[in-house]
Amino acid sequence: MSDAPRVRAHLFISGRVQGVFYRAATAEQARRRGLAGWVRNLFDGRVEAVFEGSRAGVEAMIEWCRQGPPHARVDEVQVEMGTPEGLASFEVRSSA
């Protein structure tokens, strides 16, 4: 891992984002970019995700989330930047 500063983004994604493999595709994309974090469905129909890693990697994931996988329809992505917590891997979490 490089010495570049890590950043953290906390996202809430709205639209048709459950039942369309959004979480699995997000995890695959995040791992490809070397990011740590997690993704989960929320009971209100949104998807919540956290990404930690390089600024370029995190920004690329935010942009990817605005489109999502082929069968998704993303209406809105809320992004909150924060302080990295030192997450080491990327996981798909159960619904919250």
C-alpha atoms as a PDB file:
ATOM      1  CA  MET A   1       0.000   0.000   0.000  1.00  0.00           C
ATOM      2  CA  SER A   2       1.274   3.473  -0.798  1.00  0.00           C
ATOM      3  CA  ASP A   3       1.872   6.294   1.647  1.00  0.00           C
ATOM      4  CA  ALA A   4      -0.838   8.401  -0.006  1.00  0.00           C
ATOM      5  CA  PRO A   5      -3.399   9.660   2.493  1.00  0.00           C
ATOM      6  CA  ARG A   6      -6.493   7.526   2.838  1.00  0.00           C
ATOM      7  CA  VAL A   7      -9.960   9.004   2.574  1.00  0.00           C
ATOM      8  CA  ARG A   8     -13.375   7.722   3.657  1.00  0.00           C
ATOM      9  CA  ALA A   9     -16.744   8.166   1.977  1.00  0.00           C
ATOM     10  CA  HIS A  10     -20.094   7.107   3.461  1.00  0.00           C
ATOM     11  CA  LEU A  11     -22.819   6.751   0.820  1.00  0.00           C
ATOM     12  CA  PHE A  12     -26.581   6.324   0.793  1.00  0.00           C
ATOM     13  CA  ILE A  13     -27.861   5.196  -2.608  1.00  0.00           C
ATOM     14  CA  SER A  14     -31.551   5.526  -3.544  1.00  0.00           C
ATOM     15  CA  GLY A  15     -33.527   4.099  -6.464  1.00  0.00           C
ATOM     16  CA  ARG A  16     -34.009   0.539  -7.658  1.00  0.00           C
ATOM     17  CA  VAL A  17     -30.893  -0.698  -5.892  1.00  0.00           C
ATOM     18  CA  GLN A  18     -32.083  -3.812  -4.062  1.00  0.00           C
ATOM     19  CA  GLY A  19     -32.648  -7.134  -5.800  1.00  0.00           C
ATOM     20  CA  VAL A  20     -30.429  -6.122  -8.731  1.00  0.00           C
ATOM     21  CA  PHE A  21     -27.050  -7.398  -7.417  1.00  0.00           C
ATOM     22  CA  TYR A  22     -26.043  -3.882  -6.378  1.00  0.00           C
ATOM     23  CA  ARG A  23     -24.221  -5.042  -3.222  1.00  0.00           C
ATOM     24  CA  ALA A  24     -22.310  -7.836  -4.952  1.00  0.00           C
ATOM     25  CA  ALA A  25     -21.297  -5.606  -7.856  1.00  0.00           C
ATOM     26  CA  THR A  26     -20.251  -2.832  -5.452  1.00  0.00           C
ATOM     27  CA  ALA A  27     -18.055  -5.231  -3.493  1.00  0.00           C
ATOM     28  CA  GLU A  28     -16.425  -6.486  -6.708  1.00  0.00           C
ATOM     29  CA  GLN A  29     -15.751  -2.937  -7.940  1.00  0.00           C
ATOM     30  CA  ALA A  30     -14.371  -1.809  -4.567  1.00  0.00           C
ATOM     31  CA  ARG A  31     -12.024  -4.803  -4.323  1.00  0.00           C
ATOM     32  CA  ARG A  32     -10.780  -4.157  -7.881  1.00  0.00           C
ATOM     33  CA  ARG A  33      -9.833  -0.646  -6.775  1.00  0.00           C
ATOM     34  CA  GLY A  34      -8.083  -1.894  -3.625  1.00  0.00           C
ATOM     35  CA  LEU A  35     -10.620  -0.265  -1.296  1.00  0.00           C
ATOM     36  CA  ALA A  36     -11.745  -1.353   2.152  1.00  0.00           C
ATOM     37  CA  GLY A  37     -15.210  -0.866   3.610  1.00  0.00           C
ATOM     38  CA  TRP A  38     -18.643  -2.434   3.423  1.00  0.00           C
ATOM     39  CA  VAL A  39     -22.035  -2.330   1.712  1.00  0.00           C
ATOM     40  CA  ARG A  40     -25.500  -3.308   2.971  1.00  0.00           C
ATOM     41  CA  ASN A  41     -29.197  -2.972   2.191  1.00  0.00           C
ATOM     42  CA  LEU A  42     -31.325  -0.721   4.377  1.00  0.00           C
ATOM     43  CA  PHE A  43     -34.909  -1.587   5.271  1.00  0.00           C
ATOM     44  CA  ASP A  44     -36.126   1.626   3.590  1.00  0.00           C
ATOM     45  CA  GLY A  45     -34.981   0.346   0.173  1.00  0.00           C
ATOM     46  CA  ARG A  46     -31.678   2.233  -0.011  1.00  0.00           C
ATOM     47  CA  VAL A  47     -28.161   0.804  -0.068  1.00  0.00           C
ATOM     48  CA  GLU A  48     -25.543   2.103   2.370  1.00  0.00           C
ATOM     49  CA  ALA A  49     -21.827   1.832   1.627  1.00  0.00           C
ATOM     50  CA  VAL A  50     -18.501   2.919   3.114  1.00  0.00           C
ATOM     51  CA  PHE A  51     -15.288   3.116   1.105  1.00  0.00           C
ATOM     52  CA  GLU A  52     -11.784   3.726   2.464  1.00  0.00           C
ATOM     53  CA  GLY A  53      -8.636   4.012   0.404  1.00  0.00           C
ATOM     54  CA  SER A  54      -6.906   6.313  -2.039  1.00  0.00           C
ATOM     55  CA  ARG A  55      -8.719   9.494  -3.012  1.00  0.00           C
ATOM     56  CA  ALA A  56      -8.721   8.392  -6.669  1.00  0.00           C
ATOM     57  CA  GLY A  57     -10.131   4.968  -5.811  1.00  0.00           C
ATOM     58  CA  VAL A  58     -12.845   6.350  -3.545  1.00  0.00           C
ATOM     59  CA  GLU A  59     -13.832   9.023  -6.084  1.00  0.00           C
ATOM     60  CA  ALA A  60     -14.023   6.351  -8.803  1.00  0.00           C
ATOM     61  CA  MET A  61     -16.335   4.263  -6.588  1.00  0.00           C
ATOM     62  CA  ILE A  62     -18.589   7.237  -5.904  1.00  0.00           C
ATOM     63  CA  GLU A  63     -18.932   7.762  -9.652  1.00  0.00           C
ATOM     64  CA  TRP A  64     -19.560   4.049 -10.222  1.00  0.00           C
ATOM     65  CA  CYS A  65     -22.292   4.080  -7.543  1.00  0.00           C
ATOM     66  CA  ARG A  66     -24.115   6.844  -9.433  1.00  0.00           C
ATOM     67  CA  GLN A  67     -24.690   4.290 -12.244  1.00  0.00           C
ATOM     68  CA  GLY A  68     -24.518   0.918 -10.461  1.00  0.00           C
ATOM     69  CA  PRO A  69     -24.826  -2.488 -12.119  1.00  0.00           C
ATOM     70  CA  PRO A  70     -26.838  -2.979 -15.333  1.00  0.00           C
ATOM     71  CA  HIS A  71     -30.294  -3.603 -13.802  1.00  0.00           C
ATOM     72  CA  ALA A  72     -30.095  -0.863 -11.171  1.00  0.00           C
ATOM     73  CA  ARG A  73     -31.730   2.539 -11.444  1.00  0.00           C
ATOM     74  CA  VAL A  74     -29.949   5.053  -9.246  1.00  0.00           C
ATOM     75  CA  ASP A  75     -31.997   8.135  -8.375  1.00  0.00           C
ATOM     76  CA  GLU A  76     -29.724   9.740  -5.788  1.00  0.00           C
ATOM     77  CA  VAL A  77     -26.356   9.235  -4.113  1.00  0.00           C
ATOM     78  CA  GLN A  78     -25.716  11.095  -0.850  1.00  0.00           C
ATOM     79  CA  VAL A  79     -22.019  11.300   0.028  1.00  0.00           C
ATOM     80  CA  GLU A  80     -20.546  12.176   3.410  1.00  0.00           C
ATOM     81  CA  MET A  81     -16.757  12.397   3.594  1.00  0.00           C
ATOM     82  CA  GLY A  82     -15.153  11.452   6.903  1.00  0.00           C
ATOM     83  CA  THR A  83     -12.046  10.288   8.694  1.00  0.00           C
ATOM     84  CA  PRO A  84     -10.834   6.782   7.745  1.00  0.00           C
ATOM     85  CA  GLU A  85     -11.227   4.182  10.491  1.00  0.00           C
ATOM     86  CA  GLY A  86      -8.514   1.861   9.175  1.00  0.00           C
ATOM     87  CA  LEU A  87     -10.746  -0.822   7.679  1.00  0.00           C
ATOM     88  CA  ALA A  88      -8.696  -3.645   6.159  1.00  0.00           C
ATOM     89  CA  SER A  89     -11.038  -5.411   3.727  1.00  0.00           C
ATOM     90  CA  PHE A  90     -14.320  -5.008   1.885  1.00  0.00           C
ATOM     91  CA  GLU A  91     -17.409  -6.948   2.950  1.00  0.00           C
ATOM     92  CA  VAL A  92     -21.073  -7.319   2.135  1.00  0.00           C
ATOM     93  CA  ARG A  93     -23.013  -6.884   5.378  1.00  0.00           C
ATOM     94  CA  SER A  94     -26.489  -8.118   6.228  1.00  0.00           C
ATOM     95  CA  SER A  95     -29.388  -5.708   6.055  1.00  0.00           C
ATOM     96  CA  ALA A  96     -29.864  -3.020   8.680  1.00  0.00           C
END
